[in-house]
Amino acid sequence: MKKVKEITSKTNKKIVINTNKEILKGSYSNAIKVAVTDSEVILDFALLYSKDEKDQIGTLQNRIIVTPDFASKIAQNIKDTLETHSREKKKK
């Protein structure tokens, strides 16, 4: 295991995140399917490519399952990060 990052949470607790080389490689996806129940949100990330002009083939790259509350926090974090990136890009 490799220590990737030490972060400080909003409550000032130090969090150490460990990983391995396979996870650090990441995986590309160009499609997502979201399913929601009362207790979980399922995010299926897929890679789609064309078999021919009318058919596509897909491969499930990753499935992430989180609570609805955490999914909302992820969505807000992505929105905030993209807005910050956009503002920084305009400054250049």
Protein backbone atom coordinates (compact mmCIF):
# COMPACT_ATOMS: atom_id res chain seq x y z
CA MET A 1 0.00 0.00 0.00
CA LYS A 2 1.09 3.49 -0.80
CA LYS A 3 0.15 6.57 1.18
CA VAL A 4 -1.37 8.93 -1.35
CA LYS A 5 -2.39 11.93 0.60
CA GLU A 6 -2.86 13.36 4.03
CA ILE A 7 -5.78 15.70 4.24
CA THR A 8 -7.34 17.70 7.02
CA SER A 9 -11.08 17.37 7.33
CA LYS A 10 -13.43 20.21 8.18
CA THR A 11 -13.23 19.09 11.82
CA ASN A 12 -9.39 19.38 11.66
CA LYS A 13 -8.88 15.64 11.92
CA LYS A 14 -5.92 14.34 9.92
CA ILE A 15 -6.96 11.66 7.41
CA VAL A 16 -4.43 9.39 5.73
CA ILE A 17 -5.59 7.83 2.46
CA ASN A 18 -3.83 4.65 1.30
CA THR A 19 -4.03 3.08 -2.15
CA ASN A 20 -2.14 0.94 -4.65
CA LYS A 21 -0.82 1.40 -8.19
CA GLU A 22 -3.90 -0.12 -9.86
CA ILE A 23 -6.27 2.32 -8.22
CA LEU A 24 -3.97 5.26 -8.98
CA LYS A 25 -4.15 4.43 -12.69
CA GLY A 26 -7.82 5.33 -12.67
CA SER A 27 -10.23 4.34 -15.42
CA TYR A 28 -11.87 6.36 -18.17
CA SER A 29 -15.62 6.42 -18.69
CA ASN A 30 -17.84 8.37 -21.03
CA ALA A 31 -21.24 7.29 -19.69
CA ILE A 32 -22.92 7.04 -16.32
CA LYS A 33 -26.13 5.44 -15.08
CA VAL A 34 -27.52 6.54 -11.74
CA ALA A 35 -30.00 4.49 -9.73
CA VAL A 36 -31.51 5.63 -6.43
CA THR A 37 -33.28 3.89 -3.57
CA ASP A 38 -34.22 5.28 -0.17
CA SER A 39 -30.93 4.04 1.28
CA GLU A 40 -28.40 4.15 -1.57
CA VAL A 41 -27.30 5.78 -4.79
CA ILE A 42 -25.63 3.51 -7.33
CA LEU A 43 -23.32 5.09 -9.88
CA ASP A 44 -22.36 2.82 -12.78
CA PHE A 45 -19.54 4.26 -14.90
CA ALA A 46 -19.18 2.73 -18.37
CA LEU A 47 -17.03 3.03 -21.45
CA LEU A 48 -19.14 3.09 -24.60
CA TYR A 49 -17.83 2.69 -28.12
CA SER A 50 -19.49 2.18 -31.46
CA LYS A 51 -19.81 -1.30 -32.92
CA ASP A 52 -21.31 0.18 -36.08
CA GLU A 53 -23.42 3.22 -36.98
CA LYS A 54 -26.46 2.18 -34.95
CA ASP A 55 -25.13 -0.06 -32.16
CA GLN A 56 -22.87 0.70 -29.24
CA ILE A 57 -21.00 -1.68 -26.96
CA GLY A 58 -20.28 -0.78 -23.37
CA THR A 59 -18.06 -2.05 -20.60
CA LEU A 60 -18.80 -1.33 -16.96
CA GLN A 61 -15.66 0.38 -15.63
CA ASN A 62 -16.69 0.93 -12.04
CA ARG A 63 -19.66 0.85 -9.68
CA ILE A 64 -19.81 3.19 -6.70
CA ILE A 65 -22.52 2.80 -4.06
CA VAL A 66 -23.07 5.61 -1.54
CA THR A 67 -25.81 6.97 0.67
CA PRO A 68 -28.12 9.64 -0.76
CA ASP A 69 -26.65 12.18 1.66
CA PHE A 70 -23.09 11.46 0.54
CA ALA A 71 -24.16 11.53 -3.13
CA SER A 72 -25.51 15.05 -2.57
CA LYS A 73 -22.18 16.07 -1.03
CA ILE A 74 -20.31 14.59 -4.01
CA ALA A 75 -22.55 16.47 -6.45
CA GLN A 76 -22.04 19.76 -4.58
CA ASN A 77 -18.28 19.22 -4.44
CA ILE A 78 -18.10 18.55 -8.18
CA LYS A 79 -20.21 21.65 -8.90
CA ASP A 80 -18.02 23.85 -6.66
CA THR A 81 -14.79 22.47 -8.11
CA LEU A 82 -15.92 23.01 -11.71
CA GLU A 83 -17.02 26.58 -10.92
CA THR A 84 -13.65 27.32 -9.30
CA HIS A 85 -11.81 25.81 -12.26
CA SER A 86 -13.88 27.88 -14.69
CA ARG A 87 -13.16 31.10 -12.76
CA GLU A 88 -9.43 30.33 -12.60
CA LYS A 89 -9.33 29.54 -16.30
CA LYS A 90 -10.96 32.88 -17.15
CA LYS A 91 -8.28 34.74 -15.16
CA LYS A 92 -5.53 33.42 -17.45
